[in-house]
């Protein structure tokens, strides 16, 4: 089993997920959007698997601070992907990929019970 946790280090939800994994002794890789960027192919996979509305954080301060024209331009998966690539903080956090038995499970946001269930 391999786990990759995507997000930014100062996000409270990311901190909670990392702390849970660490407390359980679960090895994982942390992918920092600020330092490593957002992997476009992965973002596309997440949108395809979960839907753009599950991935795009329309409640956060980054989304609220975007120009109204940019917000209005999000009409499909491709336009959502472009906005998220340009503004990584509009991606809900964390995104956790759990690869086990040639199957990938994607979790979006922090849910301790859901994360525990995959370990």
PDB file of N, CA and C in Angstrom:
ATOM      1  N   UNK A   1       0.851  -1.173   0.000  1.00  0.00           N
ATOM      2  CA  UNK A   1       0.000   0.000   0.000  1.00  0.00           C
ATOM      3  C   UNK A   1       0.895   1.234   0.000  1.00  0.00           C
ATOM      4  N   UNK A   2       0.516   2.225  -0.802  1.00  0.00           N
ATOM      5  CA  UNK A   2       1.214   3.503  -0.773  1.00  0.00           C
ATOM      6  C   UNK A   2       0.181   4.618  -0.661  1.00  0.00           C
ATOM      7  N   UNK A   3       0.558   5.642   0.088  1.00  0.00           N
ATOM      8  CA  UNK A   3      -0.333   6.773   0.311  1.00  0.00           C
ATOM      9  C   UNK A   3       0.406   8.047  -0.044  1.00  0.00           C
ATOM     10  N   UNK A   4      -0.257   8.881  -0.851  1.00  0.00           N
ATOM     11  CA  UNK A   4       0.257  10.210  -1.147  1.00  0.00           C
ATOM     12  C   UNK A   4      -0.796  11.213  -0.710  1.00  0.00           C
ATOM     13  N   UNK A   5      -0.360  12.183   0.075  1.00  0.00           N
ATOM     14  CA  UNK A   5      -1.236  13.219   0.574  1.00  0.00           C
ATOM     15  C   UNK A   5      -0.838  14.517  -0.121  1.00  0.00           C
ATOM     16  N   UNK A   6      -1.800  15.152  -0.784  1.00  0.00           N
ATOM     17  CA  UNK A   6      -1.565  16.381  -1.544  1.00  0.00           C
ATOM     18  C   UNK A   6      -2.179  17.557  -0.807  1.00  0.00           C
ATOM     19  N   UNK A   7      -1.448  18.667  -0.748  1.00  0.00           N
ATOM     20  CA  UNK A   7      -1.991  19.862  -0.115  1.00  0.00           C
ATOM     21  C   UNK A   7      -0.921  20.895   0.144  1.00  0.00           C
ATOM     22  N   UNK A   8      -1.207  21.763   1.102  1.00  0.00           N
ATOM     23  CA  UNK A   8      -0.242  22.770   1.532  1.00  0.00           C
ATOM     24  C   UNK A   8      -0.013  22.581   3.028  1.00  0.00           C
ATOM     25  N   UNK A   9       1.227  22.758   3.476  1.00  0.00           N
ATOM     26  CA  UNK A   9       1.573  22.375   4.845  1.00  0.00           C
ATOM     27  C   UNK A   9       0.877  23.166   5.946  1.00  0.00           C
ATOM     28  N   UNK A  10       0.466  24.398   5.688  1.00  0.00           N
ATOM     29  CA  UNK A  10      -0.139  25.187   6.764  1.00  0.00           C
ATOM     30  C   UNK A  10      -1.653  25.052   6.840  1.00  0.00           C
ATOM     31  N   UNK A  11      -2.242  24.197   6.020  1.00  0.00           N
ATOM     32  CA  UNK A  11      -3.691  23.959   6.038  1.00  0.00           C
ATOM     33  C   UNK A  11      -4.041  23.063   7.229  1.00  0.00           C
ATOM     34  N   UNK A  12      -5.031  23.476   8.024  1.00  0.00           N
ATOM     35  CA  UNK A  12      -5.419  22.706   9.213  1.00  0.00           C
ATOM     36  C   UNK A  12      -5.875  21.289   8.869  1.00  0.00           C
ATOM     37  N   UNK A  13      -6.619  21.135   7.779  1.00  0.00           N
ATOM     38  CA  UNK A  13      -7.093  19.799   7.391  1.00  0.00           C
ATOM     39  C   UNK A  13      -5.930  18.911   6.978  1.00  0.00           C
ATOM     40  N   UNK A  14      -4.964  19.485   6.302  1.00  0.00           N
ATOM     41  CA  UNK A  14      -3.770  18.730   5.912  1.00  0.00           C
ATOM     42  C   UNK A  14      -2.986  18.328   7.158  1.00  0.00           C
ATOM     43  N   UNK A  15      -2.849  19.243   8.086  1.00  0.00           N
ATOM     44  CA  UNK A  15      -2.145  18.942   9.338  1.00  0.00           C
ATOM     45  C   UNK A  15      -2.810  17.780  10.081  1.00  0.00           C
ATOM     46  N   UNK A  16      -4.149  17.799  10.126  1.00  0.00           N
ATOM     47  CA  UNK A  16      -4.883  16.726  10.810  1.00  0.00           C
ATOM     48  C   UNK A  16      -4.653  15.382  10.121  1.00  0.00           C
ATOM     49  N   UNK A  17      -4.704  15.379   8.804  1.00  0.00           N
ATOM     50  CA  UNK A  17      -4.502  14.128   8.065  1.00  0.00           C
ATOM     51  C   UNK A  17      -3.092  13.606   8.273  1.00  0.00           C
ATOM     52  N   UNK A  18      -2.109  14.487   8.183  1.00  0.00           N
ATOM     53  CA  UNK A  18      -0.716  14.062   8.386  1.00  0.00           C
ATOM     54  C   UNK A  18      -0.509  13.541   9.809  1.00  0.00           C
ATOM     55  N   UNK A  19      -1.086  14.224  10.786  1.00  0.00           N
ATOM     56  CA  UNK A  19      -0.954  13.795  12.186  1.00  0.00           C
ATOM     57  C   UNK A  19      -1.596  12.426  12.397  1.00  0.00           C
ATOM     58  N   UNK A  20      -2.750  12.197  11.786  1.00  0.00           N
ATOM     59  CA  UNK A  20      -3.414  10.895  11.911  1.00  0.00           C
ATOM     60  C   UNK A  20      -2.550   9.801  11.316  1.00  0.00           C
ATOM     61  N   UNK A  21      -2.038  10.028  10.123  1.00  0.00           N
ATOM     62  CA  UNK A  21      -1.175   9.024   9.491  1.00  0.00           C
ATOM     63  C   UNK A  21       0.067   8.772  10.335  1.00  0.00           C
ATOM     64  N   UNK A  22       0.683   9.855  10.821  1.00  0.00           N
ATOM     65  CA  UNK A  22       1.887   9.709  11.650  1.00  0.00           C
ATOM     66  C   UNK A  22       1.582   8.961  12.946  1.00  0.00           C
ATOM     67  N   UNK A  23       0.452   9.273  13.574  1.00  0.00           N
ATOM     68  CA  UNK A  23       0.110   8.625  14.846  1.00  0.00           C
ATOM     69  C   UNK A  23      -0.135   7.136  14.677  1.00  0.00           C
ATOM     70  N   UNK A  24      -0.573   6.743  13.498  1.00  0.00           N
ATOM     71  CA  UNK A  24      -0.812   5.331  13.203  1.00  0.00           C
ATOM     72  C   UNK A  24       0.425   4.643  12.650  1.00  0.00           C
ATOM     73  N   UNK A  25       1.508   5.407  12.454  1.00  0.00           N
ATOM     74  CA  UNK A  25       2.734   4.834  11.905  1.00  0.00           C
ATOM     75  C   UNK A  25       2.607   4.468  10.436  1.00  0.00           C
ATOM     76  N   UNK A  26       1.729   5.164   9.725  1.00  0.00           N
ATOM     77  CA  UNK A  26       1.494   4.863   8.312  1.00  0.00           C
ATOM     78  C   UNK A  26       2.424   5.716   7.447  1.00  0.00           C
ATOM     79  N   UNK A  27       3.272   5.040   6.702  1.00  0.00           N
ATOM     80  CA  UNK A  27       4.184   5.749   5.806  1.00  0.00           C
ATOM     81  C   UNK A  27       3.392   6.406   4.690  1.00  0.00           C
ATOM     82  N   UNK A  28       3.782   7.618   4.355  1.00  0.00           N
ATOM     83  CA  UNK A  28       3.103   8.342   3.281  1.00  0.00           C
ATOM     84  C   UNK A  28       4.051   9.390   2.697  1.00  0.00           C
ATOM     85  N   UNK A  29       3.708   9.827   1.517  1.00  0.00           N
ATOM     86  CA  UNK A  29       4.453  10.889   0.847  1.00  0.00           C
ATOM     87  C   UNK A  29       3.585  12.134   0.894  1.00  0.00           C
ATOM     88  N   UNK A  30       4.189  13.271   1.205  1.00  0.00           N
ATOM     89  CA  UNK A  30       3.456  14.527   1.189  1.00  0.00           C
ATOM     90  C   UNK A  30       3.881  15.311  -0.040  1.00  0.00           C
ATOM     91  N   UNK A  31       2.900  15.693  -0.857  1.00  0.00           N
ATOM     92  CA  UNK A  31       3.151  16.500  -2.051  1.00  0.00           C
ATOM     93  C   UNK A  31       2.654  17.913  -1.761  1.00  0.00           C
ATOM     94  N   UNK A  32       3.598  18.842  -1.640  1.00  0.00           N
ATOM     95  CA  UNK A  32       3.322  20.232  -1.289  1.00  0.00           C
ATOM     96  C   UNK A  32       3.067  21.037  -2.559  1.00  0.00           C
ATOM     97  N   UNK A  33       1.819  21.501  -2.736  1.00  0.00           N
ATOM     98  CA  UNK A  33       1.485  22.297  -3.924  1.00  0.00           C
ATOM     99  C   UNK A  33       2.360  23.541  -4.045  1.00  0.00           C
ATOM    100  N   UNK A  34       2.712  24.140  -2.923  1.00  0.00           N
ATOM    101  CA  UNK A  34       3.474  25.391  -2.953  1.00  0.00           C
ATOM    102  C   UNK A  34       4.888  25.170  -3.480  1.00  0.00           C
ATOM    103  N   UNK A  35       5.486  24.048  -3.108  1.00  0.00           N
ATOM    104  CA  UNK A  35       6.865  23.770  -3.521  1.00  0.00           C
ATOM    105  C   UNK A  35       6.954  22.935  -4.795  1.00  0.00           C
ATOM    106  N   UNK A  36       6.036  21.999  -4.968  1.00  0.00           N
ATOM    107  CA  UNK A  36       6.132  21.045  -6.062  1.00  0.00           C
ATOM    108  C   UNK A  36       5.121  21.293  -7.178  1.00  0.00           C
ATOM    109  N   UNK A  37       4.211  22.231  -6.952  1.00  0.00           N
ATOM    110  CA  UNK A  37       3.189  22.504  -7.951  1.00  0.00           C
ATOM    111  C   UNK A  37       2.090  21.465  -7.925  1.00  0.00           C
ATOM    112  N   UNK A  38       1.073  21.732  -8.714  1.00  0.00           N
ATOM    113  CA  UNK A  38      -0.061  20.812  -8.810  1.00  0.00           C
ATOM    114  C   UNK A  38       0.159  19.917 -10.022  1.00  0.00           C
ATOM    115  N   UNK A  39       0.163  18.608  -9.833  1.00  0.00           N
ATOM    116  CA  UNK A  39       0.335  17.708 -10.976  1.00  0.00           C
ATOM    117  C   UNK A  39      -0.928  17.709 -11.844  1.00  0.00           C
ATOM    118  N   UNK A  40      -0.826  18.292 -13.027  1.00  0.00           N
ATOM    119  CA  UNK A  40      -1.995  18.472 -13.892  1.00  0.00           C
ATOM    120  C   UNK A  40      -2.688  17.156 -14.212  1.00  0.00           C
ATOM    121  N   UNK A  41      -1.906  16.120 -14.518  1.00  0.00           N
ATOM    122  CA  UNK A  41      -2.517  14.824 -14.855  1.00  0.00           C
ATOM    123  C   UNK A  41      -3.301  14.276 -13.666  1.00  0.00           C
ATOM    124  N   UNK A  42      -2.748  14.403 -12.470  1.00  0.00           N
ATOM    125  CA  UNK A  42      -3.444  13.923 -11.265  1.00  0.00           C
ATOM    126  C   UNK A  42      -4.723  14.716 -11.042  1.00  0.00           C
ATOM    127  N   UNK A  43      -4.637  16.039 -11.187  1.00  0.00           N
ATOM    128  CA  UNK A  43      -5.821  16.871 -11.000  1.00  0.00           C
ATOM    129  C   UNK A  43      -6.928  16.447 -11.953  1.00  0.00           C
ATOM    130  N   UNK A  44      -6.567  16.169 -13.185  1.00  0.00           N
ATOM    131  CA  UNK A  44      -7.544  15.683 -14.158  1.00  0.00           C
ATOM    132  C   UNK A  44      -8.161  14.360 -13.737  1.00  0.00           C
ATOM    133  N   UNK A  45      -7.334  13.469 -13.179  1.00  0.00           N
ATOM    134  CA  UNK A  45      -7.839  12.176 -12.699  1.00  0.00           C
ATOM    135  C   UNK A  45      -8.801  12.359 -11.525  1.00  0.00           C
ATOM    136  N   UNK A  46      -8.461  13.272 -10.621  1.00  0.00           N
ATOM    137  CA  UNK A  46      -9.325  13.513  -9.464  1.00  0.00           C
ATOM    138  C   UNK A  46     -10.676  14.060  -9.909  1.00  0.00           C
ATOM    139  N   UNK A  47     -10.650  14.995 -10.858  1.00  0.00           N
ATOM    140  CA  UNK A  47     -11.897  15.565 -11.359  1.00  0.00           C
ATOM    141  C   UNK A  47     -12.727  14.479 -12.039  1.00  0.00           C
ATOM    142  N   UNK A  48     -12.068  13.630 -12.835  1.00  0.00           N
ATOM    143  CA  UNK A  48     -12.781  12.547 -13.519  1.00  0.00           C
ATOM    144  C   UNK A  48     -13.386  11.563 -12.514  1.00  0.00           C
ATOM    145  N   UNK A  49     -12.673  11.289 -11.432  1.00  0.00           N
ATOM    146  CA  UNK A  49     -13.130  10.304 -10.456  1.00  0.00           C
ATOM    147  C   UNK A  49     -14.180  10.859  -9.497  1.00  0.00           C
ATOM    148  N   UNK A  50     -14.015  12.095  -9.081  1.00  0.00           N
ATOM    149  CA  UNK A  50     -14.863  12.654  -8.018  1.00  0.00           C
ATOM    150  C   UNK A  50     -15.808  13.756  -8.490  1.00  0.00           C
ATOM    151  N   UNK A  51     -15.526  14.327  -9.651  1.00  0.00           N
ATOM    152  CA  UNK A  51     -16.322  15.452 -10.136  1.00  0.00           C
ATOM    153  C   UNK A  51     -15.708  16.775  -9.721  1.00  0.00           C
ATOM    154  N   UNK A  52     -15.822  17.765 -10.577  1.00  0.00           N
ATOM    155  CA  UNK A  52     -15.173  19.056 -10.299  1.00  0.00           C
ATOM    156  C   UNK A  52     -15.710  19.718  -9.038  1.00  0.00           C
ATOM    157  N   UNK A  53     -16.990  19.510  -8.737  1.00  0.00           N
ATOM    158  CA  UNK A  53     -17.553  20.152  -7.552  1.00  0.00           C
ATOM    159  C   UNK A  53     -17.011  19.565  -6.254  1.00  0.00           C
ATOM    160  N   UNK A  54     -16.550  18.340  -6.291  1.00  0.00           N
ATOM    161  CA  UNK A  54     -15.941  17.733  -5.108  1.00  0.00           C
ATOM    162  C   UNK A  54     -14.502  18.217  -4.914  1.00  0.00           C
ATOM    163  N   UNK A  55     -13.851  18.620  -5.981  1.00  0.00           N
ATOM    164  CA  UNK A  55     -12.438  19.019  -5.927  1.00  0.00           C
ATOM    165  C   UNK A  55     -12.283  20.529  -5.778  1.00  0.00           C
ATOM    166  N   UNK A  56     -13.126  21.296  -6.423  1.00  0.00           N
ATOM    167  CA  UNK A  56     -13.019  22.758  -6.410  1.00  0.00           C
ATOM    168  C   UNK A  56     -13.625  23.320  -5.130  1.00  0.00           C
ATOM    169  N   UNK A  57     -12.814  24.043  -4.377  1.00  0.00           N
ATOM    170  CA  UNK A  57     -13.249  24.634  -3.114  1.00  0.00           C
ATOM    171  C   UNK A  57     -13.809  26.030  -3.376  1.00  0.00           C
ATOM    172  N   UNK A  58     -15.115  26.116  -3.463  1.00  0.00           N
ATOM    173  CA  UNK A  58     -15.779  27.407  -3.718  1.00  0.00           C
ATOM    174  C   UNK A  58     -16.091  28.155  -2.419  1.00  0.00           C
ATOM    175  N   UNK A  59     -15.703  27.600  -1.282  1.00  0.00           N
ATOM    176  CA  UNK A  59     -16.002  28.243   0.002  1.00  0.00           C
ATOM    177  C   UNK A  59     -14.800  28.982   0.587  1.00  0.00           C
ATOM    178  N   UNK A  60     -13.613  28.714   0.066  1.00  0.00           N
ATOM    179  CA  UNK A  60     -12.404  29.283   0.642  1.00  0.00           C
ATOM    180  C   UNK A  60     -12.157  30.725   0.252  1.00  0.00           C
ATOM    181  N   UNK A  61     -11.232  31.333   0.957  1.00  0.00           N
ATOM    182  CA  UNK A  61     -10.900  32.741   0.702  1.00  0.00           C
ATOM    183  C   UNK A  61     -10.291  32.945  -0.674  1.00  0.00           C
ATOM    184  N   UNK A  62      -9.554  31.977  -1.169  1.00  0.00           N
ATOM    185  CA  UNK A  62      -8.953  32.132  -2.500  1.00  0.00           C
ATOM    186  C   UNK A  62     -10.047  32.234  -3.553  1.00  0.00           C
ATOM    187  N   UNK A  63     -11.036  31.346  -3.494  1.00  0.00           N
ATOM    188  CA  UNK A  63     -12.143  31.400  -4.456  1.00  0.00           C
ATOM    189  C   UNK A  63     -12.886  32.731  -4.335  1.00  0.00           C
ATOM    190  N   UNK A  64     -13.177  33.136  -3.118  1.00  0.00           N
ATOM    191  CA  UNK A  64     -13.935  34.367  -2.913  1.00  0.00           C
ATOM    192  C   UNK A  64     -13.183  35.594  -3.418  1.00  0.00           C
ATOM    193  N   UNK A  65     -11.853  35.522  -3.422  1.00  0.00           N
ATOM    194  CA  UNK A  65     -11.067  36.671  -3.866  1.00  0.00           C
ATOM    195  C   UNK A  65     -10.837  36.708  -5.380  1.00  0.00           C
ATOM    196  N   UNK A  66     -11.232  35.643  -6.077  1.00  0.00           N
ATOM    197  CA  UNK A  66     -11.060  35.623  -7.531  1.00  0.00           C
ATOM    198  C   UNK A  66     -11.998  36.624  -8.192  1.00  0.00           C
ATOM    199  N   UNK A  67     -11.565  37.130  -9.327  1.00  0.00           N
ATOM    200  CA  UNK A  67     -12.386  38.006 -10.145  1.00  0.00           C
ATOM    201  C   UNK A  67     -13.679  37.284 -10.525  1.00  0.00           C
ATOM    202  N   UNK A  68     -14.777  38.014 -10.546  1.00  0.00           N
ATOM    203  CA  UNK A  68     -16.075  37.413 -10.872  1.00  0.00           C
ATOM    204  C   UNK A  68     -16.073  36.763 -12.255  1.00  0.00           C
ATOM    205  N   UNK A  69     -15.327  37.325 -13.187  1.00  0.00           N
ATOM    206  CA  UNK A  69     -15.257  36.748 -14.537  1.00  0.00           C
ATOM    207  C   UNK A  69     -14.570  35.389 -14.510  1.00  0.00           C
ATOM    208  N   UNK A  70     -13.559  35.258 -13.662  1.00  0.00           N
ATOM    209  CA  UNK A  70     -12.866  33.966 -13.530  1.00  0.00           C
ATOM    210  C   UNK A  70     -13.816  32.939 -12.934  1.00  0.00           C
ATOM    211  N   UNK A  71     -14.523  33.313 -11.893  1.00  0.00           N
ATOM    212  CA  UNK A  71     -15.487  32.393 -11.279  1.00  0.00           C
ATOM    213  C   UNK A  71     -16.552  31.958 -12.292  1.00  0.00           C
ATOM    214  N   UNK A  72     -17.053  32.921 -13.038  1.00  0.00           N
ATOM    215  CA  UNK A  72     -18.096  32.633 -14.023  1.00  0.00           C
ATOM    216  C   UNK A  72     -17.590  31.764 -15.163  1.00  0.00           C
ATOM    217  N   UNK A  73     -16.280  31.777 -15.383  1.00  0.00           N
ATOM    218  CA  UNK A  73     -15.706  30.994 -16.484  1.00  0.00           C
ATOM    219  C   UNK A  73     -15.668  29.495 -16.189  1.00  0.00           C
ATOM    220  N   UNK A  74     -15.890  29.106 -14.941  1.00  0.00           N
ATOM    221  CA  UNK A  74     -15.851  27.689 -14.569  1.00  0.00           C
ATOM    222  C   UNK A  74     -17.197  27.064 -14.933  1.00  0.00           C
ATOM    223  N   UNK A  75     -17.233  26.491 -16.122  1.00  0.00           N
ATOM    224  CA  UNK A  75     -18.482  25.931 -16.641  1.00  0.00           C
ATOM    225  C   UNK A  75     -18.387  24.443 -16.959  1.00  0.00           C
ATOM    226  N   UNK A  76     -17.153  23.906 -16.940  1.00  0.00           N
ATOM    227  CA  UNK A  76     -16.954  22.492 -17.238  1.00  0.00           C
ATOM    228  C   UNK A  76     -15.665  22.031 -16.554  1.00  0.00           C
ATOM    229  N   UNK A  77     -15.351  20.752 -16.726  1.00  0.00           N
ATOM    230  CA  UNK A  77     -14.168  20.192 -16.067  1.00  0.00           C
ATOM    231  C   UNK A  77     -12.881  20.885 -16.496  1.00  0.00           C
ATOM    232  N   UNK A  78     -12.742  21.162 -17.778  1.00  0.00           N
ATOM    233  CA  UNK A  78     -11.520  21.780 -18.290  1.00  0.00           C
ATOM    234  C   UNK A  78     -11.322  23.181 -17.713  1.00  0.00           C
ATOM    235  N   UNK A  79     -12.370  23.979 -17.685  1.00  0.00           N
ATOM    236  CA  UNK A  79     -12.229  25.335 -17.145  1.00  0.00           C
ATOM    237  C   UNK A  79     -11.967  25.288 -15.634  1.00  0.00           C
ATOM    238  N   UNK A  80     -12.564  24.335 -14.927  1.00  0.00           N
ATOM    239  CA  UNK A  80     -12.293  24.180 -13.496  1.00  0.00           C
ATOM    240  C   UNK A  80     -10.833  23.795 -13.279  1.00  0.00           C
ATOM    241  N   UNK A  81     -10.350  22.866 -14.093  1.00  0.00           N
ATOM    242  CA  UNK A  81      -8.953  22.432 -13.994  1.00  0.00           C
ATOM    243  C   UNK A  81      -8.014  23.617 -14.187  1.00  0.00           C
ATOM    244  N   UNK A  82      -8.269  24.456 -15.166  1.00  0.00           N
ATOM    245  CA  UNK A  82      -7.409  25.619 -15.438  1.00  0.00           C
ATOM    246  C   UNK A  82      -7.383  26.583 -14.261  1.00  0.00           C
ATOM    247  N   UNK A  83      -8.546  26.831 -13.672  1.00  0.00           N
ATOM    248  CA  UNK A  83      -8.600  27.731 -12.516  1.00  0.00           C
ATOM    249  C   UNK A  83      -7.826  27.127 -11.340  1.00  0.00           C
ATOM    250  N   UNK A  84      -7.996  25.828 -11.108  1.00  0.00           N
ATOM    251  CA  UNK A  84      -7.300  25.182  -9.994  1.00  0.00           C
ATOM    252  C   UNK A  84      -5.789  25.141 -10.211  1.00  0.00           C
ATOM    253  N   UNK A  85      -5.358  24.942 -11.443  1.00  0.00           N
ATOM    254  CA  UNK A  85      -3.919  24.959 -11.722  1.00  0.00           C
ATOM    255  C   UNK A  85      -3.330  26.348 -11.468  1.00  0.00           C
ATOM    256  N   UNK A  86      -4.067  27.367 -11.859  1.00  0.00           N
ATOM    257  CA  UNK A  86      -3.597  28.741 -11.683  1.00  0.00           C
ATOM    258  C   UNK A  86      -3.694  29.200 -10.221  1.00  0.00           C
ATOM    259  N   UNK A  87      -4.591  28.568  -9.467  1.00  0.00           N
ATOM    260  CA  UNK A  87      -4.849  28.952  -8.071  1.00  0.00           C
ATOM    261  C   UNK A  87      -4.947  27.696  -7.221  1.00  0.00           C
ATOM    262  N   UNK A  88      -3.823  27.067  -6.880  1.00  0.00           N
ATOM    263  CA  UNK A  88      -3.855  25.779  -6.169  1.00  0.00           C
ATOM    264  C   UNK A  88      -4.645  25.785  -4.862  1.00  0.00           C
ATOM    265  N   UNK A  89      -4.785  26.936  -4.240  1.00  0.00           N
ATOM    266  CA  UNK A  89      -5.541  26.983  -2.985  1.00  0.00           C
ATOM    267  C   UNK A  89      -7.038  26.823  -3.202  1.00  0.00           C
ATOM    268  N   UNK A  90      -7.477  26.756  -4.458  1.00  0.00           N
ATOM    269  CA  UNK A  90      -8.894  26.486  -4.732  1.00  0.00           C
ATOM    270  C   UNK A  90      -9.183  24.989  -4.789  1.00  0.00           C
ATOM    271  N   UNK A  91      -8.161  24.177  -4.588  1.00  0.00           N
ATOM    272  CA  UNK A  91      -8.350  22.719  -4.540  1.00  0.00           C
ATOM    273  C   UNK A  91      -8.664  22.339  -3.097  1.00  0.00           C
ATOM    274  N   UNK A  92      -9.741  21.599  -2.884  1.00  0.00           N
ATOM    275  CA  UNK A  92     -10.070  21.141  -1.532  1.00  0.00           C
ATOM    276  C   UNK A  92      -8.900  20.324  -1.005  1.00  0.00           C
ATOM    277  N   UNK A  93      -8.699  20.431   0.305  1.00  0.00           N
ATOM    278  CA  UNK A  93      -7.556  19.764   0.906  1.00  0.00           C
ATOM    279  C   UNK A  93      -7.996  18.968   2.139  1.00  0.00           C
ATOM    280  N   UNK A  94      -7.212  17.927   2.367  1.00  0.00           N
ATOM    281  CA  UNK A  94      -6.215  17.350   1.468  1.00  0.00           C
ATOM    282  C   UNK A  94      -6.881  16.456   0.424  1.00  0.00           C
ATOM    283  N   UNK A  95      -6.104  16.129  -0.587  1.00  0.00           N
ATOM    284  CA  UNK A  95      -6.475  15.042  -1.491  1.00  0.00           C
ATOM    285  C   UNK A  95      -5.531  13.907  -1.136  1.00  0.00           C
ATOM    286  N   UNK A  96      -6.085  12.759  -0.831  1.00  0.00           N
ATOM    287  CA  UNK A  96      -5.286  11.602  -0.433  1.00  0.00           C
ATOM    288  C   UNK A  96      -5.516  10.488  -1.445  1.00  0.00           C
ATOM    289  N   UNK A  97      -4.424   9.989  -1.992  1.00  0.00           N
ATOM    290  CA  UNK A  97      -4.494   8.835  -2.891  1.00  0.00           C
ATOM    291  C   UNK A  97      -3.931   7.628  -2.161  1.00  0.00           C
ATOM    292  N   UNK A  98      -4.744   6.595  -2.089  1.00  0.00           N
ATOM    293  CA  UNK A  98      -4.323   5.347  -1.465  1.00  0.00           C
ATOM    294  C   UNK A  98      -4.286   4.294  -2.568  1.00  0.00           C
ATOM    295  N   UNK A  99      -3.096   3.779  -2.822  1.00  0.00           N
ATOM    296  CA  UNK A  99      -2.920   2.741  -3.840  1.00  0.00           C
ATOM    297  C   UNK A  99      -2.718   1.410  -3.129  1.00  0.00           C
ATOM    298  N   UNK A 100      -3.647   0.498  -3.400  1.00  0.00           N
ATOM    299  CA  UNK A 100      -3.585  -0.812  -2.754  1.00  0.00           C
ATOM    300  C   UNK A 100      -4.164  -1.843  -3.710  1.00  0.00           C
ATOM    301  N   UNK A 101      -3.436  -2.899  -3.906  1.00  0.00           N
ATOM    302  CA  UNK A 101      -3.884  -4.000  -4.759  1.00  0.00           C
ATOM    303  C   UNK A 101      -4.270  -3.506  -6.160  1.00  0.00           C
ATOM    304  N   UNK A 102      -3.441  -2.677  -6.742  1.00  0.00           N
ATOM    305  CA  UNK A 102      -3.639  -2.136  -8.085  1.00  0.00           C
ATOM    306  C   UNK A 102      -4.932  -1.329  -8.215  1.00  0.00           C
ATOM    307  N   UNK A 103      -5.409  -0.810  -7.098  1.00  0.00           N
ATOM    308  CA  UNK A 103      -6.594   0.031  -7.077  1.00  0.00           C
ATOM    309  C   UNK A 103      -6.246   1.331  -6.368  1.00  0.00           C
ATOM    310  N   UNK A 104      -6.697   2.445  -6.931  1.00  0.00           N
ATOM    311  CA  UNK A 104      -6.467   3.745  -6.310  1.00  0.00           C
ATOM    312  C   UNK A 104      -7.772   4.280  -5.752  1.00  0.00           C
ATOM    313  N   UNK A 105      -7.737   4.642  -4.479  1.00  0.00           N
ATOM    314  CA  UNK A 105      -8.868   5.278  -3.826  1.00  0.00           C
ATOM    315  C   UNK A 105      -8.483   6.723  -3.562  1.00  0.00           C
ATOM    316  N   UNK A 106      -9.389   7.630  -3.888  1.00  0.00           N
ATOM    317  CA  UNK A 106      -9.128   9.059  -3.719  1.00  0.00           C
ATOM    318  C   UNK A 106     -10.073   9.605  -2.660  1.00  0.00           C
ATOM    319  N   UNK A 107      -9.489  10.237  -1.655  1.00  0.00           N
ATOM    320  CA  UNK A 107     -10.267  10.903  -0.611  1.00  0.00           C
ATOM    321  C   UNK A 107     -10.055  12.408  -0.757  1.00  0.00           C
ATOM    322  N   UNK A 108     -11.116  13.174  -0.604  1.00  0.00           N
ATOM    323  CA  UNK A 108     -11.023  14.623  -0.719  1.00  0.00           C
ATOM    324  C   UNK A 108     -11.525  15.240   0.576  1.00  0.00           C
ATOM    325  N   UNK A 109     -10.700  16.066   1.183  1.00  0.00           N
ATOM    326  CA  UNK A 109     -11.042  16.655   2.473  1.00  0.00           C
ATOM    327  C   UNK A 109     -10.642  15.707   3.591  1.00  0.00           C
ATOM    328  N   UNK A 110     -10.655  16.218   4.814  1.00  0.00           N
ATOM    329  CA  UNK A 110     -10.255  15.393   5.947  1.00  0.00           C
ATOM    330  C   UNK A 110     -11.473  14.785   6.621  1.00  0.00           C
ATOM    331  N   UNK A 111     -11.490  13.471   6.665  1.00  0.00           N
ATOM    332  CA  UNK A 111     -12.505  12.701   7.385  1.00  0.00           C
ATOM    333  C   UNK A 111     -11.745  11.571   8.068  1.00  0.00           C
ATOM    334  N   UNK A 112     -11.550  11.708   9.379  1.00  0.00           N
ATOM    335  CA  UNK A 112     -10.737  10.742  10.123  1.00  0.00           C
ATOM    336  C   UNK A 112     -11.260   9.323   9.968  1.00  0.00           C
ATOM    337  N   UNK A 113     -12.566   9.147  10.048  1.00  0.00           N
ATOM    338  CA  UNK A 113     -13.147   7.815   9.950  1.00  0.00           C
ATOM    339  C   UNK A 113     -12.881   7.218   8.566  1.00  0.00           C
ATOM    340  N   UNK A 114     -13.075   8.012   7.549  1.00  0.00           N
ATOM    341  CA  UNK A 114     -12.852   7.532   6.183  1.00  0.00           C
ATOM    342  C   UNK A 114     -11.376   7.162   5.966  1.00  0.00           C
ATOM    343  N   UNK A 115     -10.479   8.020   6.441  1.00  0.00           N
ATOM    344  CA  UNK A 115      -9.045   7.759   6.300  1.00  0.00           C
ATOM    345  C   UNK A 115      -8.639   6.524   7.100  1.00  0.00           C
ATOM    346  N   UNK A 116      -9.134   6.408   8.319  1.00  0.00           N
ATOM    347  CA  UNK A 116      -8.843   5.229   9.136  1.00  0.00           C
ATOM    348  C   UNK A 116      -9.313   3.956   8.465  1.00  0.00           C
ATOM    349  N   UNK A 117     -10.445   4.017   7.778  1.00  0.00           N
ATOM    350  CA  UNK A 117     -11.005   2.853   7.128  1.00  0.00           C
ATOM    351  C   UNK A 117     -10.150   2.315   5.995  1.00  0.00           C
ATOM    352  N   UNK A 118      -9.257   3.146   5.497  1.00  0.00           N
ATOM    353  CA  UNK A 118      -8.397   2.701   4.390  1.00  0.00           C
ATOM    354  C   UNK A 118      -7.062   2.151   4.859  1.00  0.00           C
ATOM    355  N   UNK A 119      -6.800   2.252   6.155  1.00  0.00           N
ATOM    356  CA  UNK A 119      -5.509   1.793   6.653  1.00  0.00           C
ATOM    357  C   UNK A 119      -5.600   0.409   7.246  1.00  0.00           C
TER     358      UNK A 119
END
